[in-house]
Amino acid sequence: MQSKLNITEFREKLQSSIKNGHPQLKIITPFNLFFFDSSKSFYGRYDDTTFYLTLNYRIAHSSYLIKGNYKFVNNKLQIQYEIFPKFKYQKYFLLLWLACGIGMIAYINLKFGDKNDVMIPNLFLLIMLICGSLHYKFSKRIIEKKFRKIFEIYT
């Protein structure tokens, strides 16, 4: 892919929008609200030809990482990047999450037979399942959209 920026502008944008650190080691704690700098869009590391980053949020974490490289070829900045899950087991965790949620709904329905008493816990569990699944699904789109917008990348 290509960027509208030249290589010096791209490096300046990297420097201005990335808080230095290892993206895999970024930990979300309650203290992040008070002691964490979220003024920069991304958290990660970069050098003269490569970058490795994730979104820089105070509370919520990004489930994906962006790893790539850039070089100047034929008066155009060529950027190659890949977006992948932060942890290897992450793909399977969603299936486990859904199976546990459906199992809890089935258990509540079998344990407490009256349908009026279990409607609210079932709806609550169902909403939690849907929100968790959508957050995971849309976080990849969010990180890619933000990355492309900041670094002015087009195909």
N, C-alpha and C. Protein backbone atom coordinates (compact mmCIF):
# COMPACT_ATOMS: atom_id res chain seq x y z
N MET A 1 0.83 -1.16 0.00
CA MET A 1 0.00 0.00 0.00
C MET A 1 0.88 1.23 0.00
N GLN A 2 0.29 2.35 -0.33
CA GLN A 2 1.07 3.58 -0.44
C GLN A 2 0.49 4.65 0.48
N SER A 3 1.33 5.59 0.82
CA SER A 3 0.92 6.70 1.65
C SER A 3 1.10 7.99 0.87
N LYS A 4 0.30 8.98 1.20
CA LYS A 4 0.41 10.28 0.56
C LYS A 4 1.58 11.07 1.14
N LEU A 5 2.12 10.61 2.24
CA LEU A 5 3.22 11.30 2.91
C LEU A 5 4.56 10.88 2.31
N ASN A 6 5.56 11.75 2.48
CA ASN A 6 6.90 11.30 2.13
C ASN A 6 7.52 10.66 3.37
N ILE A 7 8.73 10.15 3.25
CA ILE A 7 9.29 9.36 4.34
C ILE A 7 9.59 10.19 5.58
N THR A 8 10.01 11.44 5.43
CA THR A 8 10.27 12.27 6.61
C THR A 8 8.97 12.63 7.32
N GLU A 9 7.93 12.94 6.57
CA GLU A 9 6.63 13.23 7.19
C GLU A 9 6.08 11.99 7.90
N PHE A 10 6.27 10.82 7.28
CA PHE A 10 5.80 9.58 7.89
C PHE A 10 6.52 9.32 9.21
N ARG A 11 7.82 9.53 9.24
CA ARG A 11 8.58 9.33 10.48
C ARG A 11 8.19 10.35 11.55
N GLU A 12 7.90 11.58 11.13
CA GLU A 12 7.43 12.58 12.09
C GLU A 12 6.07 12.19 12.67
N LYS A 13 5.20 11.67 11.82
CA LYS A 13 3.89 11.20 12.31
C LYS A 13 4.05 10.02 13.24
N LEU A 14 4.98 9.11 12.92
CA LEU A 14 5.25 8.00 13.82
C LEU A 14 5.70 8.51 15.18
N GLN A 15 6.61 9.47 15.17
CA GLN A 15 7.13 10.00 16.43
C GLN A 15 6.04 10.74 17.21
N SER A 16 5.18 11.47 16.53
CA SER A 16 4.17 12.26 17.23
C SER A 16 2.95 11.45 17.67
N SER A 17 2.72 10.28 17.08
CA SER A 17 1.50 9.54 17.42
C SER A 17 1.74 8.21 18.13
N ILE A 18 3.00 7.86 18.42
CA ILE A 18 3.29 6.59 19.08
C ILE A 18 3.98 6.84 20.42
N LYS A 19 3.40 6.30 21.47
CA LYS A 19 4.05 6.30 22.79
C LYS A 19 4.93 5.06 22.82
N ASN A 20 6.20 5.25 23.13
CA ASN A 20 7.17 4.15 23.07
C ASN A 20 6.92 3.13 24.17
N GLY A 21 6.99 1.87 23.77
CA GLY A 21 6.84 0.75 24.68
C GLY A 21 6.57 -0.51 23.87
N HIS A 22 6.60 -1.64 24.51
CA HIS A 22 6.34 -2.90 23.83
C HIS A 22 4.83 -3.17 23.85
N PRO A 23 4.18 -3.29 22.69
CA PRO A 23 2.71 -3.44 22.64
C PRO A 23 2.19 -4.69 23.35
N GLN A 24 2.97 -5.77 23.34
CA GLN A 24 2.52 -7.00 24.00
C GLN A 24 2.51 -6.85 25.52
N LEU A 25 3.32 -5.94 26.04
CA LEU A 25 3.45 -5.78 27.49
C LEU A 25 2.54 -4.70 28.06
N LYS A 26 1.73 -4.09 27.24
CA LYS A 26 0.82 -3.05 27.73
C LYS A 26 -0.26 -3.70 28.58
N ILE A 27 -0.34 -3.29 29.85
CA ILE A 27 -1.27 -3.89 30.79
C ILE A 27 -2.32 -2.85 31.18
N ILE A 28 -3.57 -3.28 31.22
CA ILE A 28 -4.67 -2.41 31.61
C ILE A 28 -4.97 -2.64 33.09
N THR A 29 -4.87 -1.58 33.89
CA THR A 29 -5.19 -1.66 35.31
C THR A 29 -6.08 -0.47 35.67
N PRO A 30 -6.70 -0.49 36.85
CA PRO A 30 -7.50 0.67 37.26
C PRO A 30 -6.67 1.94 37.44
N PHE A 31 -5.37 1.80 37.69
CA PHE A 31 -4.51 2.97 37.88
C PHE A 31 -4.23 3.70 36.57
N ASN A 32 -4.55 3.07 35.44
CA ASN A 32 -4.33 3.72 34.14
C ASN A 32 -5.15 4.99 34.00
N LEU A 33 -6.28 5.07 34.70
CA LEU A 33 -7.10 6.27 34.62
C LEU A 33 -6.34 7.50 35.08
N PHE A 34 -5.46 7.33 36.06
CA PHE A 34 -4.79 8.47 36.67
C PHE A 34 -3.35 8.66 36.21
N PHE A 35 -2.65 7.58 35.90
CA PHE A 35 -1.22 7.66 35.65
C PHE A 35 -0.81 7.30 34.22
N PHE A 36 -1.75 7.20 33.33
CA PHE A 36 -1.43 6.73 31.99
C PHE A 36 -1.64 7.85 30.98
N ASP A 37 -0.70 8.04 30.11
CA ASP A 37 -0.78 9.09 29.10
C ASP A 37 -1.45 8.53 27.84
N SER A 38 -2.61 9.04 27.51
CA SER A 38 -3.30 8.57 26.30
C SER A 38 -3.39 9.68 25.26
N SER A 39 -2.48 10.63 25.31
CA SER A 39 -2.53 11.73 24.35
C SER A 39 -2.08 11.27 22.95
N LYS A 40 -1.32 10.20 22.88
CA LYS A 40 -0.89 9.68 21.59
C LYS A 40 -1.80 8.53 21.18
N SER A 41 -2.00 8.37 19.89
CA SER A 41 -2.98 7.41 19.37
C SER A 41 -2.55 5.97 19.48
N PHE A 42 -1.26 5.70 19.35
CA PHE A 42 -0.76 4.34 19.33
C PHE A 42 0.30 4.12 20.40
N TYR A 43 0.47 2.86 20.76
CA TYR A 43 1.47 2.45 21.73
C TYR A 43 2.32 1.39 21.05
N GLY A 44 3.62 1.57 21.01
CA GLY A 44 4.45 0.58 20.36
C GLY A 44 5.86 1.06 20.16
N ARG A 45 6.50 0.47 19.18
CA ARG A 45 7.88 0.82 18.88
C ARG A 45 8.06 0.88 17.37
N TYR A 46 9.10 1.59 16.96
CA TYR A 46 9.40 1.74 15.55
C TYR A 46 10.88 2.05 15.38
N ASP A 47 11.37 1.85 14.18
CA ASP A 47 12.74 2.24 13.85
C ASP A 47 12.74 2.79 12.43
N ASP A 48 13.87 2.74 11.76
CA ASP A 48 13.99 3.36 10.44
C ASP A 48 13.20 2.66 9.35
N THR A 49 12.87 1.39 9.53
CA THR A 49 12.15 0.67 8.46
C THR A 49 10.94 -0.11 8.95
N THR A 50 10.78 -0.34 10.24
CA THR A 50 9.69 -1.17 10.74
C THR A 50 8.91 -0.47 11.84
N PHE A 51 7.72 -0.98 12.10
CA PHE A 51 6.91 -0.52 13.22
C PHE A 51 6.10 -1.68 13.77
N TYR A 52 5.73 -1.57 15.04
CA TYR A 52 5.01 -2.61 15.76
C TYR A 52 4.17 -1.90 16.81
N LEU A 53 2.85 -1.84 16.64
CA LEU A 53 2.05 -1.00 17.52
C LEU A 53 0.64 -1.53 17.76
N THR A 54 -0.01 -0.94 18.75
CA THR A 54 -1.40 -1.21 19.09
C THR A 54 -2.04 0.11 19.48
N LEU A 55 -3.35 0.11 19.68
CA LEU A 55 -4.03 1.34 20.09
C LEU A 55 -3.66 1.70 21.52
N ASN A 56 -3.68 2.98 21.81
CA ASN A 56 -3.29 3.49 23.12
C ASN A 56 -4.54 4.01 23.85
N TYR A 57 -5.21 3.12 24.57
CA TYR A 57 -6.39 3.48 25.33
C TYR A 57 -6.09 3.42 26.82
N ARG A 58 -6.82 4.21 27.59
CA ARG A 58 -6.63 4.20 29.04
C ARG A 58 -7.27 2.98 29.68
N ILE A 59 -8.50 2.67 29.31
CA ILE A 59 -9.24 1.60 29.99
C ILE A 59 -9.33 0.36 29.11
N ALA A 60 -9.99 0.49 27.99
CA ALA A 60 -10.18 -0.66 27.10
C ALA A 60 -8.88 -0.96 26.37
N HIS A 61 -8.66 -2.20 26.09
CA HIS A 61 -7.45 -2.58 25.37
C HIS A 61 -7.82 -3.01 23.96
N SER A 62 -6.86 -2.90 23.09
CA SER A 62 -7.05 -3.36 21.73
C SER A 62 -6.67 -4.83 21.65
N SER A 63 -7.44 -5.58 20.91
CA SER A 63 -7.19 -7.00 20.77
C SER A 63 -6.24 -7.32 19.63
N TYR A 64 -5.80 -6.30 18.92
CA TYR A 64 -4.99 -6.52 17.73
C TYR A 64 -3.71 -5.69 17.76
N LEU A 65 -2.72 -6.18 17.02
CA LEU A 65 -1.45 -5.50 16.83
C LEU A 65 -1.24 -5.25 15.35
N ILE A 66 -0.50 -4.20 15.04
CA ILE A 66 -0.11 -3.91 13.66
C ILE A 66 1.40 -4.03 13.58
N LYS A 67 1.85 -4.85 12.65
CA LYS A 67 3.28 -5.04 12.44
C LYS A 67 3.55 -4.80 10.96
N GLY A 68 4.55 -4.00 10.67
CA GLY A 68 4.82 -3.74 9.26
C GLY A 68 6.15 -3.07 9.04
N ASN A 69 6.38 -2.74 7.76
CA ASN A 69 7.59 -2.03 7.39
C ASN A 69 7.25 -1.01 6.32
N TYR A 70 8.17 -0.07 6.12
CA TYR A 70 7.97 0.97 5.13
C TYR A 70 9.29 1.28 4.45
N LYS A 71 9.18 1.70 3.19
CA LYS A 71 10.37 2.09 2.42
C LYS A 71 9.94 3.03 1.31
N PHE A 72 10.89 3.79 0.83
CA PHE A 72 10.64 4.77 -0.22
C PHE A 72 11.09 4.18 -1.55
N VAL A 73 10.11 3.93 -2.45
CA VAL A 73 10.40 3.32 -3.74
C VAL A 73 9.70 4.13 -4.83
N ASN A 74 10.45 4.50 -5.88
CA ASN A 74 9.88 5.23 -7.02
C ASN A 74 9.14 6.50 -6.58
N ASN A 75 9.76 7.26 -5.71
CA ASN A 75 9.20 8.51 -5.20
C ASN A 75 7.86 8.34 -4.49
N LYS A 76 7.59 7.14 -3.99
CA LYS A 76 6.37 6.88 -3.23
C LYS A 76 6.73 6.05 -2.01
N LEU A 77 6.03 6.31 -0.94
CA LEU A 77 6.26 5.58 0.29
C LEU A 77 5.42 4.30 0.27
N GLN A 78 6.09 3.16 0.25
CA GLN A 78 5.44 1.86 0.26
C GLN A 78 5.33 1.36 1.69
N ILE A 79 4.13 1.01 2.11
CA ILE A 79 3.90 0.51 3.47
C ILE A 79 3.27 -0.87 3.37
N GLN A 80 3.89 -1.82 4.02
CA GLN A 80 3.33 -3.16 4.12
C GLN A 80 3.08 -3.44 5.59
N TYR A 81 1.85 -3.78 5.92
CA TYR A 81 1.53 -4.06 7.32
C TYR A 81 0.58 -5.23 7.41
N GLU A 82 0.54 -5.78 8.59
CA GLU A 82 -0.33 -6.92 8.88
C GLU A 82 -0.98 -6.66 10.23
N ILE A 83 -2.28 -6.93 10.32
CA ILE A 83 -3.00 -6.81 11.58
C ILE A 83 -3.31 -8.22 12.05
N PHE A 84 -2.91 -8.52 13.28
CA PHE A 84 -3.10 -9.88 13.79
C PHE A 84 -3.50 -9.82 15.26
N PRO A 85 -4.10 -10.89 15.78
CA PRO A 85 -4.52 -10.90 17.20
C PRO A 85 -3.33 -10.76 18.14
N LYS A 86 -3.58 -10.14 19.28
CA LYS A 86 -2.52 -9.89 20.25
C LYS A 86 -1.97 -11.19 20.83
N PHE A 87 -2.84 -12.16 21.06
CA PHE A 87 -2.43 -13.44 21.60
C PHE A 87 -2.90 -14.55 20.66
N LYS A 88 -2.17 -15.65 20.62
CA LYS A 88 -2.48 -16.74 19.69
C LYS A 88 -3.81 -17.41 20.00
N TYR A 89 -4.15 -17.54 21.28
CA TYR A 89 -5.37 -18.22 21.67
C TYR A 89 -6.62 -17.37 21.47
N GLN A 90 -6.45 -16.13 21.09
CA GLN A 90 -7.55 -15.18 21.03
C GLN A 90 -8.66 -15.61 20.06
N LYS A 91 -8.31 -16.27 18.98
CA LYS A 91 -9.32 -16.73 18.02
C LYS A 91 -10.24 -17.76 18.66
N TYR A 92 -9.68 -18.60 19.50
CA TYR A 92 -10.46 -19.67 20.11
C TYR A 92 -11.20 -19.21 21.36
N PHE A 93 -10.74 -18.12 21.94
CA PHE A 93 -11.38 -17.61 23.14
C PHE A 93 -12.81 -17.17 22.86
N LEU A 94 -13.06 -16.60 21.70
CA LEU A 94 -14.41 -16.16 21.34
C LEU A 94 -15.36 -17.35 21.28
N LEU A 95 -14.91 -18.47 20.71
CA LEU A 95 -15.75 -19.67 20.68
C LEU A 95 -16.01 -20.21 22.08
N LEU A 96 -14.98 -20.19 22.92
CA LEU A 96 -15.15 -20.62 24.31
C LEU A 96 -16.12 -19.70 25.05
N TRP A 97 -16.00 -18.41 24.81
CA TRP A 97 -16.87 -17.41 25.42
C TRP A 97 -18.33 -17.68 25.04
N LEU A 98 -18.59 -17.91 23.78
CA LEU A 98 -19.95 -18.19 23.32
C LEU A 98 -20.48 -19.51 23.88
N ALA A 99 -19.64 -20.54 23.91
CA ALA A 99 -20.08 -21.83 24.45
C ALA A 99 -20.42 -21.72 25.93
N CYS A 100 -19.60 -21.02 26.70
CA CYS A 100 -19.88 -20.84 28.13
C CYS A 100 -21.16 -20.03 28.35
N GLY A 101 -21.34 -19.01 27.55
CA GLY A 101 -22.56 -18.20 27.68
C GLY A 101 -23.82 -18.98 27.37
N ILE A 102 -23.79 -19.74 26.30
CA ILE A 102 -24.96 -20.56 25.94
C ILE A 102 -25.18 -21.64 26.99
N GLY A 103 -24.09 -22.20 27.52
CA GLY A 103 -24.21 -23.18 28.59
C GLY A 103 -24.82 -22.58 29.85
N MET A 104 -24.45 -21.35 30.19
CA MET A 104 -25.04 -20.70 31.37
C MET A 104 -26.52 -20.43 31.17
N ILE A 105 -26.90 -20.01 29.98
CA ILE A 105 -28.32 -19.77 29.71
C ILE A 105 -29.10 -21.08 29.81
N ALA A 106 -28.55 -22.16 29.25
CA ALA A 106 -29.22 -23.46 29.33
C ALA A 106 -29.30 -23.95 30.78
N TYR A 107 -28.24 -23.76 31.56
CA TYR A 107 -28.23 -24.18 32.96
C TYR A 107 -29.27 -23.42 33.77
N ILE A 108 -29.35 -22.13 33.57
CA ILE A 108 -30.33 -21.33 34.30
C ILE A 108 -31.75 -21.77 33.94
N ASN A 109 -31.98 -22.05 32.67
CA ASN A 109 -33.32 -22.49 32.25
C ASN A 109 -33.67 -23.85 32.83
N LEU A 110 -32.71 -24.76 32.92
CA LEU A 110 -32.99 -26.08 33.47
C LEU A 110 -33.10 -26.07 34.99
N LYS A 111 -32.29 -25.28 35.65
CA LYS A 111 -32.26 -25.25 37.10
C LYS A 111 -33.52 -24.58 37.67
N PHE A 112 -33.88 -23.47 37.07
CA PHE A 112 -35.06 -22.72 37.52
C PHE A 112 -36.10 -22.80 36.42
N GLY A 113 -37.12 -23.59 36.63
CA GLY A 113 -38.07 -23.89 35.57
C GLY A 113 -38.99 -22.76 35.17
N ASP A 114 -39.31 -21.84 36.09
CA ASP A 114 -40.25 -20.79 35.78
C ASP A 114 -39.61 -19.79 34.81
N LYS A 115 -40.19 -19.61 33.66
CA LYS A 115 -39.60 -18.78 32.61
C LYS A 115 -39.60 -17.30 32.98
N ASN A 116 -40.54 -16.86 33.79
CA ASN A 116 -40.59 -15.45 34.16
C ASN A 116 -39.44 -15.07 35.08
N ASP A 117 -38.98 -16.00 35.91
CA ASP A 117 -37.90 -15.70 36.85
C ASP A 117 -36.53 -15.65 36.18
N VAL A 118 -36.34 -16.35 35.10
CA VAL A 118 -35.02 -16.42 34.47
C VAL A 118 -34.89 -15.54 33.23
N MET A 119 -35.91 -14.80 32.89
CA MET A 119 -35.84 -13.99 31.68
C MET A 119 -34.80 -12.88 31.81
N ILE A 120 -34.75 -12.21 32.95
CA ILE A 120 -33.81 -11.11 33.12
C ILE A 120 -32.36 -11.60 33.14
N PRO A 121 -32.01 -12.65 33.91
CA PRO A 121 -30.62 -13.14 33.84
C PRO A 121 -30.24 -13.64 32.44
N ASN A 122 -31.17 -14.28 31.75
CA ASN A 122 -30.88 -14.75 30.39
C ASN A 122 -30.64 -13.59 29.44
N LEU A 123 -31.45 -12.56 29.53
CA LEU A 123 -31.26 -11.40 28.67
C LEU A 123 -29.93 -10.70 28.98
N PHE A 124 -29.61 -10.62 30.26
CA PHE A 124 -28.34 -10.00 30.66
C PHE A 124 -27.16 -10.79 30.10
N LEU A 125 -27.18 -12.10 30.22
CA LEU A 125 -26.10 -12.93 29.68
C LEU A 125 -26.03 -12.82 28.16
N LEU A 126 -27.17 -12.78 27.51
CA LEU A 126 -27.20 -12.68 26.06
C LEU A 126 -26.63 -11.34 25.59
N ILE A 127 -26.98 -10.27 26.29
CA ILE A 127 -26.44 -8.95 25.93
C ILE A 127 -24.93 -8.92 26.15
N MET A 128 -24.45 -9.52 27.24
CA MET A 128 -23.01 -9.59 27.48
C MET A 128 -22.30 -10.37 26.38
N LEU A 129 -22.89 -11.47 25.94
CA LEU A 129 -22.29 -12.26 24.86
C LEU A 129 -22.21 -11.46 23.57
N ILE A 130 -23.29 -10.79 23.25
CA ILE A 130 -23.33 -10.02 22.00
C ILE A 130 -22.34 -8.87 22.05
N CYS A 131 -22.29 -8.12 23.15
CA CYS A 131 -21.36 -6.99 23.27
C CYS A 131 -19.91 -7.45 23.21
N GLY A 132 -19.58 -8.53 23.90
CA GLY A 132 -18.21 -9.04 23.86
C GLY A 132 -17.81 -9.49 22.47
N SER A 133 -18.72 -10.15 21.78
CA SER A 133 -18.42 -10.62 20.42
C SER A 133 -18.26 -9.45 19.46
N LEU A 134 -19.11 -8.44 19.58
CA LEU A 134 -19.02 -7.29 18.68
C LEU A 134 -17.77 -6.47 18.94
N HIS A 135 -17.39 -6.35 20.21
CA HIS A 135 -16.16 -5.61 20.53
C HIS A 135 -14.95 -6.28 19.88
N TYR A 136 -14.88 -7.58 19.97
CA TYR A 136 -13.77 -8.30 19.37
C TYR A 136 -13.79 -8.16 17.84
N LYS A 137 -14.98 -8.25 17.27
CA LYS A 137 -15.09 -8.20 15.81
C LYS A 137 -14.75 -6.82 15.25
N PHE A 138 -15.22 -5.77 15.91
CA PHE A 138 -15.03 -4.43 15.38
C PHE A 138 -13.69 -3.80 15.77
N SER A 139 -12.99 -4.35 16.74
CA SER A 139 -11.72 -3.74 17.15
C SER A 139 -10.67 -3.81 16.03
N LYS A 140 -10.73 -4.83 15.20
CA LYS A 140 -9.80 -4.91 14.07
C LYS A 140 -10.08 -3.81 13.06
N ARG A 141 -11.35 -3.57 12.79
CA ARG A 141 -11.70 -2.49 11.86
C ARG A 141 -11.32 -1.12 12.42
N ILE A 142 -11.49 -0.94 13.72
CA ILE A 142 -11.19 0.34 14.34
C ILE A 142 -9.70 0.65 14.24
N ILE A 143 -8.86 -0.32 14.57
CA ILE A 143 -7.41 -0.08 14.54
C ILE A 143 -6.93 0.16 13.11
N GLU A 144 -7.48 -0.57 12.15
CA GLU A 144 -7.04 -0.37 10.77
C GLU A 144 -7.49 0.99 10.25
N LYS A 145 -8.72 1.38 10.55
CA LYS A 145 -9.24 2.67 10.09
C LYS A 145 -8.43 3.82 10.68
N LYS A 146 -8.12 3.74 11.96
CA LYS A 146 -7.35 4.80 12.62
C LYS A 146 -5.93 4.86 12.05
N PHE A 147 -5.32 3.71 11.83
CA PHE A 147 -3.97 3.65 11.28
C PHE A 147 -3.92 4.26 9.88
N ARG A 148 -4.88 3.89 9.05
CA ARG A 148 -4.92 4.43 7.68
C ARG A 148 -5.17 5.93 7.66
N LYS A 149 -6.02 6.40 8.55
CA LYS A 149 -6.35 7.83 8.58
C LYS A 149 -5.15 8.66 9.03
N ILE A 150 -4.48 8.24 10.10
CA ILE A 150 -3.37 9.03 10.63
C ILE A 150 -2.19 9.05 9.66
N PHE A 151 -1.89 7.93 9.05
CA PHE A 151 -0.73 7.85 8.16
C PHE A 151 -1.08 8.00 6.68
N GLU A 152 -2.32 8.38 6.41
CA GLU A 152 -2.80 8.69 5.06
C GLU A 152 -2.45 7.60 4.06
N ILE A 153 -2.90 6.39 4.35
CA ILE A 153 -2.59 5.23 3.53
C ILE A 153 -3.75 4.95 2.59
N TYR A 154 -3.46 4.66 1.36
CA TYR A 154 -4.46 4.25 0.38
C TYR A 154 -3.93 3.04 -0.38
N THR A 155 -4.84 2.33 -1.00
CA THR A 155 -4.43 1.11 -1.72
C THR A 155 -4.01 1.39 -3.14
